Amino acid sequence: MATTTRLPAPDTLTDAQLRGAACVWCAGRLATATAVDLGTRPDPAWSGARWYPRACPGCAEART
């Protein structure tokens, strides 16, 4: 899913948000069946590291 809003900087997110267990915008816990995958991203702070942003349907819809 493409978003019209940039994602929050990885260094401002919790571990759960970085792992894709919580929404990158509202920090709400995500269910596997309904979470919106925003794609694997390179972490600008750590060479070779990746993070896995996901969003709840409401936040993802508001940013498309």
N, C-alpha and C. Protein backbone atom coordinates (compact mmCIF):
# COMPACT_ATOMS: atom_id res chain seq x y z
N MET A 1 0.85 -1.18 0.00
CA MET A 1 0.00 0.00 0.00
C MET A 1 0.89 1.24 0.00
N ALA A 2 0.62 2.15 -0.87
CA ALA A 2 1.36 3.41 -0.91
C ALA A 2 0.72 4.39 0.06
N THR A 3 1.56 5.19 0.68
CA THR A 3 1.04 6.22 1.58
C THR A 3 1.46 7.58 1.07
N THR A 4 0.66 8.59 1.35
CA THR A 4 1.00 9.94 0.94
C THR A 4 1.75 10.67 2.05
N THR A 5 1.88 10.05 3.19
CA THR A 5 2.57 10.64 4.33
C THR A 5 3.83 9.82 4.60
N ARG A 6 4.92 10.52 4.86
CA ARG A 6 6.15 9.81 5.19
C ARG A 6 5.98 9.08 6.50
N LEU A 7 6.71 8.00 6.63
CA LEU A 7 6.68 7.22 7.87
C LEU A 7 7.47 7.95 8.94
N PRO A 8 7.14 7.71 10.20
CA PRO A 8 7.93 8.29 11.29
C PRO A 8 9.37 7.76 11.22
N ALA A 9 10.30 8.53 11.72
CA ALA A 9 11.70 8.10 11.76
C ALA A 9 11.83 6.88 12.67
N PRO A 10 12.59 5.88 12.25
CA PRO A 10 12.72 4.67 13.06
C PRO A 10 13.20 4.93 14.48
N ASP A 11 14.04 5.94 14.68
CA ASP A 11 14.57 6.19 16.02
C ASP A 11 13.54 6.80 16.97
N THR A 12 12.34 7.09 16.46
CA THR A 12 11.27 7.62 17.32
C THR A 12 10.24 6.55 17.67
N LEU A 13 10.43 5.34 17.17
CA LEU A 13 9.44 4.27 17.34
C LEU A 13 9.84 3.28 18.42
N THR A 14 8.85 2.60 18.95
CA THR A 14 9.10 1.55 19.93
C THR A 14 9.56 0.28 19.22
N ASP A 15 10.06 -0.66 19.99
CA ASP A 15 10.47 -1.94 19.43
C ASP A 15 9.30 -2.63 18.74
N ALA A 16 8.12 -2.58 19.35
CA ALA A 16 6.94 -3.21 18.75
C ALA A 16 6.59 -2.57 17.41
N GLN A 17 6.74 -1.26 17.30
CA GLN A 17 6.47 -0.59 16.03
C GLN A 17 7.52 -0.98 14.98
N LEU A 18 8.76 -1.09 15.38
CA LEU A 18 9.83 -1.47 14.44
C LEU A 18 9.66 -2.91 13.95
N ARG A 19 9.14 -3.79 14.80
CA ARG A 19 8.92 -5.19 14.43
C ARG A 19 7.64 -5.40 13.65
N GLY A 20 6.79 -4.38 13.58
CA GLY A 20 5.52 -4.53 12.89
C GLY A 20 4.42 -5.08 13.76
N ALA A 21 4.63 -5.13 15.07
CA ALA A 21 3.61 -5.63 15.99
C ALA A 21 2.65 -4.52 16.42
N ALA A 22 3.04 -3.26 16.17
CA ALA A 22 2.20 -2.11 16.53
C ALA A 22 2.21 -1.12 15.36
N CYS A 23 1.14 -0.39 15.23
CA CYS A 23 1.00 0.61 14.17
C CYS A 23 2.08 1.68 14.29
N VAL A 24 2.69 2.03 13.16
CA VAL A 24 3.74 3.05 13.20
C VAL A 24 3.20 4.43 13.55
N TRP A 25 1.90 4.67 13.36
CA TRP A 25 1.36 5.99 13.66
C TRP A 25 0.67 6.06 15.02
N CYS A 26 -0.21 5.15 15.34
CA CYS A 26 -0.96 5.27 16.60
C CYS A 26 -0.44 4.35 17.69
N ALA A 27 0.50 3.46 17.36
CA ALA A 27 1.11 2.51 18.29
C ALA A 27 0.14 1.44 18.80
N GLY A 28 -1.04 1.36 18.18
CA GLY A 28 -1.99 0.32 18.57
C GLY A 28 -1.49 -1.06 18.17
N ARG A 29 -1.80 -2.05 19.00
CA ARG A 29 -1.41 -3.43 18.72
C ARG A 29 -2.10 -3.91 17.44
N LEU A 30 -1.36 -4.65 16.61
CA LEU A 30 -1.89 -5.09 15.33
C LEU A 30 -2.22 -6.58 15.33
N ALA A 31 -3.29 -6.93 14.65
CA ALA A 31 -3.66 -8.32 14.42
C ALA A 31 -3.12 -8.71 13.04
N THR A 32 -2.56 -9.89 12.95
CA THR A 32 -1.98 -10.36 11.69
C THR A 32 -2.98 -10.28 10.54
N ALA A 33 -4.21 -10.62 10.81
CA ALA A 33 -5.23 -10.67 9.75
C ALA A 33 -5.59 -9.29 9.20
N THR A 34 -5.43 -8.23 9.99
CA THR A 34 -5.88 -6.91 9.54
C THR A 34 -4.77 -5.89 9.35
N ALA A 35 -3.56 -6.18 9.79
CA ALA A 35 -2.45 -5.23 9.69
C ALA A 35 -2.13 -4.94 8.22
N VAL A 36 -1.77 -3.71 7.94
CA VAL A 36 -1.40 -3.29 6.59
C VAL A 36 0.13 -3.22 6.53
N ASP A 37 0.72 -4.06 5.69
CA ASP A 37 2.17 -4.11 5.52
C ASP A 37 2.62 -2.91 4.70
N LEU A 38 3.55 -2.15 5.22
CA LEU A 38 4.04 -0.96 4.52
C LEU A 38 5.39 -1.21 3.85
N GLY A 39 5.84 -2.45 3.85
CA GLY A 39 7.08 -2.81 3.16
C GLY A 39 8.30 -2.74 4.05
N THR A 40 9.25 -3.63 3.81
CA THR A 40 10.51 -3.63 4.55
C THR A 40 11.31 -2.40 4.15
N ARG A 41 11.88 -1.73 5.12
CA ARG A 41 12.63 -0.50 4.86
C ARG A 41 14.04 -0.60 5.44
N PRO A 42 15.02 0.03 4.79
CA PRO A 42 16.35 0.09 5.38
C PRO A 42 16.33 1.06 6.57
N ASP A 43 17.06 0.73 7.60
CA ASP A 43 17.16 1.60 8.77
C ASP A 43 18.31 2.57 8.52
N PRO A 44 18.03 3.87 8.46
CA PRO A 44 19.08 4.84 8.16
C PRO A 44 20.15 4.94 9.25
N ALA A 45 19.83 4.49 10.45
CA ALA A 45 20.79 4.60 11.56
C ALA A 45 21.76 3.42 11.62
N TRP A 46 21.40 2.29 11.02
CA TRP A 46 22.22 1.08 11.13
C TRP A 46 22.43 0.47 9.75
N SER A 47 23.63 0.49 9.28
CA SER A 47 23.95 -0.06 7.97
C SER A 47 23.56 -1.54 7.90
N GLY A 48 22.79 -1.89 6.91
CA GLY A 48 22.38 -3.27 6.70
C GLY A 48 21.17 -3.70 7.51
N ALA A 49 20.73 -2.89 8.47
CA ALA A 49 19.57 -3.24 9.29
C ALA A 49 18.28 -2.90 8.54
N ARG A 50 17.22 -3.59 8.87
CA ARG A 50 15.91 -3.36 8.27
C ARG A 50 14.86 -3.19 9.36
N TRP A 51 13.78 -2.51 9.02
CA TRP A 51 12.64 -2.45 9.92
C TRP A 51 11.40 -2.74 9.12
N TYR A 52 10.33 -3.11 9.80
CA TYR A 52 9.15 -3.69 9.17
C TYR A 52 7.88 -2.93 9.54
N PRO A 53 7.71 -1.74 9.01
CA PRO A 53 6.54 -0.95 9.40
C PRO A 53 5.23 -1.55 8.92
N ARG A 54 4.25 -1.53 9.83
CA ARG A 54 2.89 -1.92 9.52
C ARG A 54 1.97 -0.92 10.18
N ALA A 55 0.75 -0.89 9.71
CA ALA A 55 -0.22 0.07 10.24
C ALA A 55 -1.56 -0.61 10.47
N CYS A 56 -2.36 0.01 11.31
CA CYS A 56 -3.73 -0.45 11.48
C CYS A 56 -4.51 0.04 10.25
N PRO A 57 -5.59 -0.61 9.90
CA PRO A 57 -6.34 -0.21 8.71
C PRO A 57 -6.78 1.26 8.73
N GLY A 58 -7.19 1.76 9.88
CA GLY A 58 -7.64 3.16 9.96
C GLY A 58 -6.54 4.16 9.67
N CYS A 59 -5.37 3.95 10.25
CA CYS A 59 -4.25 4.86 10.00
C CYS A 59 -3.76 4.75 8.56
N ALA A 60 -3.71 3.53 8.02
CA ALA A 60 -3.26 3.35 6.65
C ALA A 60 -4.23 4.02 5.67
N GLU A 61 -5.52 3.85 5.91
CA GLU A 61 -6.53 4.45 5.04
C GLU A 61 -6.45 5.98 5.07
N ALA A 62 -6.20 6.54 6.23
CA ALA A 62 -6.12 8.00 6.36
C ALA A 62 -4.92 8.59 5.62
N ARG A 63 -3.95 7.74 5.28
CA ARG A 63 -2.71 8.23 4.65
C ARG A 63 -2.52 7.78 3.21
N THR A 64 -3.57 7.26 2.60
CA THR A 64 -3.44 6.84 1.18
C THR A 64 -3.97 7.89 0.25
